[in-house]
Protein backbone atom coordinates (compact mmCIF):
# COMPACT_ATOMS: atom_id res chain seq x y z
CA MET A 1 19.99 -19.43 2.61
CA THR A 2 21.95 -22.71 2.67
CA LEU A 3 25.09 -23.47 4.66
CA PRO A 4 28.06 -24.52 2.49
CA LYS A 5 29.14 -28.12 2.98
CA SER A 6 32.62 -26.91 3.87
CA ARG A 7 31.08 -25.34 6.98
CA LYS A 8 30.67 -28.82 8.49
CA ALA A 9 34.39 -29.20 8.92
CA ALA A 10 34.42 -26.29 11.34
CA ILE A 11 31.70 -27.77 13.60
CA PRO A 12 32.98 -29.71 16.63
CA PHE A 13 32.05 -33.38 16.83
CA ALA A 14 28.67 -33.69 18.57
CA ASP A 15 28.46 -36.26 21.33
CA PRO A 16 25.72 -38.95 21.20
CA LEU A 17 23.68 -37.38 24.02
CA MET A 18 23.37 -34.11 22.13
CA LEU A 19 22.30 -35.99 19.01
CA CYS A 20 19.63 -37.89 20.94
CA LEU A 21 18.31 -34.72 22.57
CA ALA A 22 18.19 -33.00 19.21
CA ALA A 23 16.33 -35.90 17.65
CA VAL A 24 13.76 -35.84 20.47
CA CYS A 25 13.31 -32.07 20.08
CA LEU A 26 12.95 -32.53 16.36
CA SER A 27 10.23 -35.15 16.68
CA LEU A 28 8.34 -33.32 19.43
CA SER A 29 8.35 -29.88 17.85
CA ALA A 30 7.99 -30.89 14.24
CA GLY A 31 6.02 -34.13 14.22
CA ASN A 32 5.63 -33.99 10.46
CA PRO A 33 5.84 -31.19 7.91
CA ALA A 34 2.10 -30.94 7.41
CA ALA A 35 1.43 -30.68 11.13
CA GLN A 36 4.21 -28.16 11.63
CA GLN A 37 3.06 -25.83 8.86
CA SER A 38 0.89 -23.04 10.26
CA GLN A 39 0.91 -20.42 7.50
CA ASN A 40 2.06 -17.62 9.80
CA VAL A 41 2.47 -15.24 6.88
CA ALA A 42 1.65 -15.11 3.20
CA PRO A 43 3.68 -17.65 1.22
CA ARG A 44 6.27 -16.52 -1.29
CA ILE A 45 6.30 -19.60 -3.46
CA GLY A 46 7.68 -18.13 -6.67
CA SER A 47 7.89 -20.52 -9.61
CA SER A 48 7.45 -23.68 -7.52
CA SER A 49 4.02 -24.93 -6.53
CA ALA A 50 3.00 -25.48 -2.93
CA GLU A 51 2.79 -29.23 -3.62
CA GLU A 52 6.37 -29.31 -4.93
CA ILE A 53 7.67 -27.44 -1.91
CA GLU A 54 5.75 -29.68 0.48
CA ALA A 55 7.17 -32.79 -1.21
CA LYS A 56 10.71 -31.45 -0.78
CA ARG A 57 10.01 -30.65 2.87
CA LYS A 58 8.88 -34.23 3.54
CA VAL A 59 12.09 -35.62 2.05
CA LEU A 60 14.23 -33.20 4.06
CA PHE A 61 12.27 -33.88 7.24
CA ALA A 62 12.91 -37.61 6.93
CA ARG A 63 16.61 -36.90 6.35
CA MET A 64 16.78 -34.69 9.47
CA MET A 65 15.14 -37.40 11.58
CA THR A 66 17.95 -39.80 10.72
CA ALA A 67 20.73 -37.18 10.84
CA PRO A 68 19.79 -34.28 13.17
CA ASP A 69 23.25 -32.73 12.74
CA ASP A 70 22.89 -32.38 8.95
CA LEU A 71 22.98 -28.60 8.80
CA ASP A 72 22.66 -28.47 5.03
CA SER A 73 19.32 -30.27 5.17
CA ALA A 74 18.17 -28.19 8.11
CA PHE A 75 18.99 -24.92 6.35
CA GLU A 76 17.20 -26.06 3.21
CA TYR A 77 14.18 -27.23 5.21
CA ALA A 78 13.99 -23.90 7.05
CA GLY A 79 14.26 -22.01 3.78
CA LEU A 80 11.38 -23.98 2.24
CA SER A 81 9.29 -23.52 5.40
CA SER A 82 9.82 -19.76 5.24
CA GLN A 83 9.02 -19.79 1.52
CA ILE A 84 5.68 -21.49 2.07
CA GLY A 85 4.78 -19.14 4.94
CA ASP A 86 5.45 -21.48 7.89
CA LEU A 87 7.66 -19.15 9.92
CA GLU A 88 7.30 -21.06 13.18
CA GLY A 89 8.48 -24.24 11.46
CA ALA A 90 11.48 -22.40 10.03
CA ILE A 91 12.29 -20.84 13.41
CA SER A 92 12.16 -24.12 15.33
CA THR A 93 14.42 -25.75 12.74
CA LEU A 94 17.02 -22.96 12.85
CA GLU A 95 16.98 -22.75 16.65
CA ARG A 96 17.79 -26.47 16.85
CA MET A 97 20.78 -25.77 14.63
CA LEU A 98 22.22 -23.55 17.37
CA ILE A 99 23.16 -26.78 19.14
CA TYR A 100 25.67 -27.52 16.40
CA ALA A 101 26.62 -24.02 15.29
CA PRO A 102 26.27 -21.68 18.27
CA GLY A 103 26.82 -18.04 17.41
CA LEU A 104 26.95 -18.56 13.63
CA PRO A 105 26.30 -15.00 12.31
CA ARG A 106 24.22 -15.97 9.29
CA LEU A 107 22.15 -18.31 11.44
CA GLN A 108 21.50 -15.48 13.91
CA LEU A 109 20.61 -13.19 11.02
CA GLU A 110 18.09 -15.65 9.55
CA LEU A 111 16.44 -16.13 12.94
CA GLY A 112 16.27 -12.38 13.42
CA VAL A 113 14.60 -11.94 10.03
CA LEU A 114 12.07 -14.69 10.76
CA TYR A 115 11.14 -13.29 14.17
CA TYR A 116 10.84 -9.83 12.61
CA ARG A 117 8.43 -11.16 9.98
CA LEU A 118 6.49 -12.86 12.76
CA GLY A 119 6.18 -9.57 14.66
CA ALA A 120 8.33 -10.60 17.66
CA TYR A 121 10.58 -7.57 17.39
CA GLU A 122 12.46 -7.78 20.69
CA THR A 123 13.37 -11.42 20.08
CA ALA A 124 14.47 -10.42 16.60
CA ARG A 125 16.61 -7.67 18.13
CA GLN A 126 18.41 -10.23 20.32
CA TYR A 127 19.35 -12.34 17.33
CA PHE A 128 20.40 -9.34 15.26
CA ASN A 129 22.60 -8.11 18.10
CA GLY A 130 24.05 -11.61 18.36
CA ALA A 131 24.94 -11.56 14.68
CA LYS A 132 26.38 -8.06 15.02
CA SER A 133 28.59 -8.99 17.98
CA ALA A 134 30.00 -12.08 16.29
CA GLY A 135 33.01 -10.11 15.14
CA ASP A 136 34.25 -10.73 11.61
CA ILE A 137 31.03 -10.80 9.59
CA PRO A 138 30.54 -9.98 5.91
CA GLN A 139 29.74 -6.36 5.10
CA GLU A 140 26.41 -7.27 3.47
CA VAL A 141 25.34 -9.12 6.64
CA SER A 142 26.31 -6.14 8.81
CA ALA A 143 24.37 -3.73 6.57
CA LYS A 144 21.29 -5.93 6.64
CA VAL A 145 21.46 -6.21 10.44
CA GLU A 146 21.64 -2.42 10.80
CA GLN A 147 18.60 -1.97 8.54
CA TYR A 148 16.50 -4.34 10.62
CA LEU A 149 17.65 -2.86 13.93
CA ALA A 150 16.71 0.62 12.70
CA ALA A 151 13.28 -0.66 11.65
CA ILE A 152 12.76 -2.25 15.08
CA ASP A 153 13.73 1.01 16.79
CA ARG A 154 11.17 2.88 14.71
CA ARG A 155 8.45 0.38 15.56
CA GLY A 156 9.26 0.45 19.26
CA ALA A 157 9.45 4.22 19.53
CA PRO A 158 6.60 5.90 21.45
CA SER A 159 6.22 8.28 18.53
CA GLU A 160 6.81 8.08 14.81
CA PHE A 161 7.19 10.78 12.19
CA SER A 162 7.29 9.97 8.48
CA GLY A 163 6.62 11.65 5.20
CA MET A 164 7.19 11.84 1.48
CA ILE A 165 7.49 14.46 -1.23
CA ARG A 166 7.34 14.10 -5.00
CA SER A 167 7.92 16.57 -7.78
CA GLY A 168 7.72 16.11 -11.52
CA LEU A 169 6.15 16.87 -14.88
CA ARG A 170 2.81 15.69 -16.26
CA TYR A 171 1.29 15.67 -19.75
CA GLN A 172 -2.49 15.51 -20.28
CA SER A 173 -4.18 15.08 -23.64
CA ASN A 174 -7.34 16.71 -22.22
CA ALA A 175 -6.20 18.86 -19.33
CA ASN A 176 -9.51 20.72 -18.93
CA ALA A 177 -11.74 17.61 -19.22
CA GLY A 178 -13.56 19.16 -22.18
CA PRO A 179 -15.61 17.39 -24.87
CA GLY A 180 -13.71 16.23 -27.93
CA ASN A 181 -16.29 17.69 -30.33
CA SER A 182 -16.70 21.45 -30.57
CA THR A 183 -20.38 21.02 -31.50
CA VAL A 184 -22.73 19.91 -28.71
CA THR A 185 -26.48 19.60 -28.29
CA LEU A 186 -28.26 21.75 -25.70
CA ASN A 187 -32.00 21.08 -25.41
CA GLY A 188 -32.11 19.76 -28.96
CA LEU A 189 -30.19 22.64 -30.52
CA SER A 190 -26.59 22.54 -31.78
CA TYR A 191 -24.04 24.96 -30.35
CA THR A 192 -20.36 25.53 -31.10
CA LEU A 193 -18.00 25.72 -28.12
CA ASP A 194 -15.07 28.12 -27.83
CA GLY A 195 -11.46 26.96 -27.82
CA GLN A 196 -11.13 27.13 -24.03
CA THR A 197 -14.06 24.74 -23.50
CA VAL A 198 -13.25 21.90 -25.91
CA ALA A 199 -10.59 19.33 -25.07
CA GLY A 200 -7.10 20.76 -24.97
CA GLU A 201 -3.73 19.23 -24.14
CA ASP A 202 -1.27 20.80 -21.73
CA PHE A 203 1.75 20.19 -19.52
CA ASN A 204 2.10 20.98 -15.85
CA GLY A 205 4.75 20.90 -13.20
CA PHE A 206 3.54 19.45 -9.92
CA VAL A 207 4.61 18.78 -6.38
CA ASN A 208 2.79 16.72 -3.78
CA GLY A 209 3.70 15.49 -0.35
CA ALA A 210 2.43 14.13 2.94
CA ILE A 211 3.57 13.90 6.55
CA ARG A 212 2.26 11.66 9.31
CA TYR A 213 2.81 11.68 13.08
CA ARG A 214 1.84 8.89 15.46
CA LEU A 215 2.06 8.94 19.27
CA ASP A 216 1.48 5.88 21.45
CA THR A 217 -0.22 6.97 24.66
CA ASP A 218 0.04 5.47 28.14
CA HIS A 219 -3.43 4.01 27.70
CA GLN A 220 -3.36 0.44 26.43
CA GLY A 221 -4.30 0.12 22.77
CA LEU A 222 -4.67 3.87 22.17
CA SER A 223 -2.53 6.00 19.89
CA LEU A 224 -2.99 9.46 18.44
CA GLU A 225 -2.39 10.18 14.79
CA ALA A 226 -2.22 13.32 12.69
CA GLY A 227 -1.36 13.95 9.07
CA LEU A 228 -1.05 16.66 6.47
CA SER A 229 -0.97 16.30 2.68
CA GLY A 230 -0.75 18.80 -0.12
CA TYR A 231 -0.66 19.15 -3.90
CA ALA A 232 0.15 22.00 -6.27
CA ALA A 233 0.26 22.17 -10.07
CA GLY A 234 1.05 24.95 -12.49
CA TYR A 235 0.06 24.62 -16.16
CA ARG A 236 2.06 25.86 -19.13
CA ASN A 237 -0.87 27.30 -21.11
CA ARG A 238 -4.09 27.09 -19.09
CA ASP A 239 -3.71 29.35 -16.07
CA THR A 240 -7.33 28.69 -15.08
CA LEU A 241 -6.27 25.15 -14.08
CA ASN A 242 -3.48 26.19 -11.69
CA THR A 243 -4.31 24.40 -8.45
CA ALA A 244 -3.17 24.14 -4.83
CA ALA A 245 -4.83 21.81 -2.32
CA VAL A 246 -4.22 20.81 1.29
CA GLU A 247 -5.82 18.17 3.54
CA ALA A 248 -5.31 17.57 7.28
CA TYR A 249 -6.58 15.01 9.78
CA ALA A 250 -6.14 14.15 13.45
CA GLY A 251 -7.67 11.76 15.94
CA PRO A 252 -7.35 8.56 17.99
CA VAL A 253 -6.61 5.07 16.70
CA PHE A 254 -7.78 2.16 18.86
CA ASP A 255 -6.22 -1.30 18.88
CA LEU A 256 -9.24 -3.54 19.51
CA GLY A 257 -7.15 -6.44 20.81
CA ARG A 258 -7.89 -5.38 24.39
CA PHE A 259 -11.56 -6.15 23.66
CA GLY A 260 -10.79 -9.60 22.29
CA LEU A 261 -10.85 -8.44 18.65
CA ASP A 262 -7.33 -9.35 17.65
CA ASN A 263 -5.61 -7.79 14.63
CA ARG A 264 -8.24 -5.05 14.33
CA THR A 265 -8.02 -1.29 14.63
CA LEU A 266 -10.57 1.51 14.61
CA SER A 267 -9.79 5.17 13.93
CA VAL A 268 -11.95 8.25 14.38
CA LEU A 269 -10.47 11.30 12.68
CA LEU A 270 -11.43 14.92 12.23
CA THR A 271 -10.65 16.16 8.73
CA THR A 272 -10.35 19.51 7.03
CA GLY A 273 -9.14 20.70 3.67
CA GLY A 274 -9.05 23.47 1.13
CA VAL A 275 -8.46 24.09 -2.59
CA ILE A 276 -7.28 27.20 -4.42
CA ILE A 277 -7.77 27.47 -8.20
CA GLU A 278 -6.31 30.24 -10.39
CA GLY A 279 -5.37 32.08 -7.19
CA ASP A 280 -8.90 32.16 -5.76
CA ARG A 281 -10.38 30.23 -2.85
CA TYR A 282 -12.41 27.45 -4.43
CA LEU A 283 -13.24 24.91 -1.71
CA ALA A 284 -13.12 24.64 2.08
CA SER A 285 -14.27 21.49 3.84
CA ALA A 286 -14.49 19.97 7.31
CA GLY A 287 -15.79 16.66 8.55
CA ILE A 288 -15.19 13.38 10.36
CA SER A 289 -14.18 9.91 9.23
CA THR A 290 -13.91 6.46 10.75
CA THR A 291 -11.95 3.50 9.43
CA SER A 292 -11.92 -0.10 10.62
CA GLU A 293 -9.09 -2.41 9.58
CA TRP A 294 -8.91 -6.15 10.15
CA GLN A 295 -5.97 -8.44 9.40
CA ILE A 296 -8.09 -11.55 8.93
CA THR A 297 -5.24 -13.91 8.04
CA PRO A 298 -1.57 -13.35 7.29
CA SER A 299 -2.61 -13.10 3.63
CA ASP A 300 -5.94 -11.27 3.82
CA SER A 301 -7.00 -7.90 5.19
CA LEU A 302 -10.31 -6.05 5.19
CA SER A 303 -10.84 -2.31 5.50
CA ALA A 304 -14.05 -0.31 5.73
CA SER A 305 -14.42 3.45 6.04
CA LEU A 306 -17.15 6.07 6.33
CA GLN A 307 -16.65 9.80 5.94
CA TYR A 308 -18.80 12.89 6.24
CA ARG A 309 -17.76 16.40 5.32
CA TYR A 310 -19.39 19.70 4.53
CA GLU A 311 -18.03 21.27 1.37
CA ASP A 312 -18.21 25.04 0.94
CA PHE A 313 -17.48 26.12 -2.64
CA SER A 314 -16.70 29.67 -3.75
CA ASN A 315 -16.84 31.28 -7.17
CA THR A 316 -13.58 31.97 -8.99
CA LYS A 317 -12.65 34.14 -11.96
CA SER A 318 -13.71 31.51 -14.48
CA ARG A 319 -16.12 29.47 -12.33
CA ARG A 320 -18.95 31.89 -11.67
CA THR A 321 -21.48 29.36 -10.28
CA ALA A 322 -19.17 27.11 -8.22
CA GLU A 323 -20.92 28.11 -4.98
CA LEU A 324 -23.99 26.13 -6.08
CA GLN A 325 -22.05 22.90 -5.40
CA SER A 326 -21.90 23.61 -1.64
CA GLY A 327 -23.44 20.97 0.59
CA ASN A 328 -22.96 17.75 2.53
CA ARG A 329 -20.88 14.89 1.20
CA PHE A 330 -20.93 11.26 2.36
CA ASP A 331 -18.36 8.63 1.31
CA GLY A 332 -18.14 4.92 2.02
CA GLN A 333 -15.59 2.35 0.97
CA VAL A 334 -14.90 -1.34 1.56
CA SER A 335 -11.66 -2.92 0.37
CA TRP A 336 -10.18 -6.41 0.51
CA THR A 337 -6.49 -7.19 -0.02
CA HIS A 338 -5.06 -10.63 -0.64
CA ASN A 339 -1.31 -11.23 -0.65
CA PHE A 340 -0.65 -14.16 -2.95
CA THR A 341 3.03 -13.92 -2.04
CA GLU A 342 5.14 -11.37 -0.19
CA ASP A 343 5.72 -9.68 -3.54
CA PHE A 344 2.34 -9.85 -5.26
CA SER A 345 -1.03 -8.64 -3.97
CA LEU A 346 -4.46 -7.78 -5.30
CA THR A 347 -6.92 -5.29 -3.80
CA GLY A 348 -10.60 -4.95 -4.63
CA ARG A 349 -12.65 -1.91 -3.63
CA ILE A 350 -16.30 -0.91 -3.64
CA LEU A 351 -17.03 2.82 -3.26
CA ALA A 352 -20.13 4.95 -2.86
CA THR A 353 -20.54 8.73 -2.65
CA ARG A 354 -23.53 10.97 -2.03
CA ARG A 355 -23.20 14.70 -2.76
CA GLU A 356 -25.76 17.30 -1.84
CA ALA A 357 -25.83 20.78 -3.38
CA ARG A 358 -27.82 23.99 -3.43
CA THR A 359 -29.42 22.93 -6.69
CA GLY A 360 -30.63 19.48 -7.70
CA TYR A 361 -28.74 19.18 -10.98
CA LEU A 362 -25.43 19.32 -9.09
CA ALA A 363 -26.50 16.84 -6.37
CA GLY A 364 -26.08 13.16 -7.07
CA THR A 365 -24.96 9.67 -6.14
CA GLU A 366 -22.12 7.58 -7.51
CA ILE A 367 -21.20 3.94 -7.05
CA GLY A 368 -18.03 2.32 -8.27
CA GLY A 369 -15.51 -0.43 -7.92
CA ALA A 370 -11.83 -0.96 -8.56
CA ILE A 371 -9.27 -3.73 -8.65
CA ALA A 372 -5.57 -3.07 -8.22
CA GLY A 373 -2.47 -5.23 -8.31
CA THR A 374 1.03 -4.57 -6.97
CA TYR A 375 4.15 -6.56 -7.78
CA ARG A 376 7.62 -6.21 -6.26
CA TYR A 377 10.67 -7.68 -7.97
CA ALA A 378 14.43 -7.41 -8.07
CA ALA A 379 15.76 -4.25 -9.70
CA LEU A 380 16.33 -4.69 -13.43
CA LEU A 381 19.15 -2.14 -13.35
CA GLY A 382 21.79 -2.07 -10.64
CA ASP A 383 21.54 -3.77 -7.27
CA GLY A 384 19.28 -1.27 -5.49
CA PRO A 385 15.98 -1.89 -3.69
CA ALA A 386 13.17 -3.84 -5.34
CA TRP A 387 11.16 -2.20 -8.10
CA ILE A 388 7.38 -1.93 -7.77
CA THR A 389 4.80 -2.10 -10.56
CA GLY A 390 1.16 -1.25 -9.92
CA LEU A 391 -1.93 -1.42 -12.13
CA GLU A 392 -5.49 -0.35 -11.27
CA ALA A 393 -8.75 -0.48 -13.22
CA ALA A 394 -11.88 1.30 -11.96
CA VAL A 395 -15.48 1.86 -13.07
CA THR A 396 -17.98 4.38 -11.69
CA GLU A 397 -21.58 5.31 -12.41
CA ARG A 398 -22.99 8.73 -11.46
CA ARG A 399 -26.63 9.80 -11.37
CA TYR A 400 -27.67 13.39 -10.67
CA ASP A 401 -30.95 14.25 -8.98
CA ASP A 402 -32.50 16.80 -11.35
CA PRO A 403 -32.07 17.85 -14.98
CA ASP A 404 -29.83 20.78 -15.83
CA THR A 405 -32.40 22.82 -17.74
CA MET A 406 -29.67 24.68 -19.64
CA ILE A 407 -28.53 21.37 -21.19
CA ASN A 408 -31.49 18.97 -21.13
CA ALA A 409 -34.76 19.99 -19.49
CA SER A 410 -36.20 16.47 -19.56
CA GLN A 411 -33.33 14.24 -18.40
CA SER A 412 -30.91 14.43 -15.51
CA GLN A 413 -27.24 13.74 -16.13
CA ARG A 414 -26.04 10.11 -16.17
CA ASP A 415 -22.33 9.33 -16.40
CA LYS A 416 -20.34 6.11 -16.70
CA GLU A 417 -16.60 6.36 -16.12
CA PHE A 418 -13.75 3.95 -16.74
CA SER A 419 -10.13 4.52 -15.75
CA LEU A 420 -6.91 2.55 -16.06
CA ASN A 421 -3.76 3.63 -14.22
CA PHE A 422 -0.22 2.26 -14.31
CA ARG A 423 2.59 3.12 -11.90
CA GLN A 424 6.25 2.16 -11.96
CA ILE A 425 8.49 2.86 -8.96
CA MET A 426 12.25 2.46 -9.41
CA PRO A 427 14.10 3.24 -6.16
CA PHE A 428 17.63 4.61 -6.19
CA THR A 429 17.93 4.06 -2.44
CA GLU A 430 15.57 3.19 0.40
CA GLN A 431 14.56 6.87 0.54
CA ALA A 432 14.55 8.06 -3.09
CA ALA A 433 12.91 6.74 -6.24
CA LEU A 434 11.99 7.56 -9.81
CA VAL A 435 8.21 7.32 -10.28
CA MET A 436 6.51 7.06 -13.67
CA GLU A 437 2.75 6.98 -14.20
CA ALA A 438 0.41 6.54 -17.15
CA GLY A 439 -3.37 6.77 -17.04
CA TYR A 440 -6.44 6.71 -19.22
CA ARG A 441 -9.85 8.09 -18.23
CA LYS A 442 -13.05 7.78 -20.27
CA VAL A 443 -16.38 9.38 -19.29
CA ARG A 444 -19.56 8.59 -21.21
CA SER A 445 -22.57 10.82 -20.53
CA ASN A 446 -26.06 11.47 -21.86
CA TYR A 447 -24.97 15.14 -21.73
CA ASP A 448 -22.47 15.22 -24.60
CA ILE A 449 -20.89 18.39 -23.20
CA LYS A 450 -19.87 16.31 -20.15
CA ALA A 451 -18.37 13.38 -22.10
CA PHE A 452 -14.60 13.26 -22.51
CA ASP A 453 -11.49 11.14 -22.38
CA ASN A 454 -7.97 11.91 -21.22
CA ILE A 455 -4.52 10.35 -21.38
CA SER A 456 -2.00 11.40 -18.75
CA LEU A 457 1.72 10.69 -18.47
CA SER A 458 3.98 11.79 -15.64
CA ILE A 459 7.50 11.37 -14.37
CA GLY A 460 8.89 12.53 -11.05
CA ILE A 461 11.35 12.04 -8.22
CA GLN A 462 10.00 10.88 -4.87
CA ALA A 463 11.78 11.11 -1.53
CA ALA A 464 10.67 9.50 1.73
CA PHE A 465 11.73 10.38 5.25
């Protein structure tokens, strides 16, 4: 944000003592642009390079040293400092401007936004309230202030409840994950599959949602968290695929700052879940998980999780041997996220899973990895909230312990899977959005009856609360 030059005419003449004090404050707190820059948050450079922005900052800094009351230069310098991620530099510059423009609503708003981004929410509240009480302020400024004050109230509340729900339609080219060829080889002999087993397309209507509750306790660094998520889908043609699933968790979350481990949290959660397929109980599970999260820098975060659960499968009308899959399951994941700007981030993940079962040909190990990118940008239609585009590519390799003697008595199953998923979120408001997804999944296997590919397309409406 820059202050119009016409604004200068409304600023009272500053006496020489104030100018001298401001110049001293400027030199003491800033020194030089390179020294002032501290990269408090991820930069949002946009089309300009960091070198170009730094060069502009040096020119503006020299101009401010000779004319500390030049509000245009100060606003521009603060804007560039914020753009490159130096929030403290931007804040100190704007706070010096209060000498010449005390109570300026847009100045108070910018300071509130910067302190909010820095995590100093109560200081941000003071500036937002100052902007709000200024009297005749533009409607867009008032609306922005109210949004930030509401966000601060939510963060400062001893408890927080949030959730989302989405409903829509999905098309799948291979809804039942069947092989594309009706002729397969079983122990060296060719067999022809029936129409319900080979790949078949279908449509389904789905609904999924999640709720989360967090309570900050009286014990320093300890909060309690609980959540519930669910999914249900009904297919147009294949009733055997009709599914309903639910998952719940609860447990403590520890802020490790009290132990000298700043910007790190550790959670220990009890989990349980269940799945119903074609109206029959299919899966019940219970276990425990732990997740450690570390905000290493303003731009980089690391997350690692371990989970154990016992899975109890039951036979259904069309799945007569599902109970043989029952057993222990172990999952591990490590992910790294880097925010190149406030609007663009990349996440890399490494995953591993070990499944045990009542029979060796259903027990196995899988290892995989994924990379995902997310980009936020101004809405292409209307003036609503920013649109979000996400893309993820993943690969997985699975190895089963023993051969399935009905398929291949000499070799156990080996699968390699590749998936590519695209998501487009187009918000109508802060709480409602149109969500479109497209995905491709390809599984190669030495058991040709297990090899398949699938294209999925979906569209739905999502609401958050």
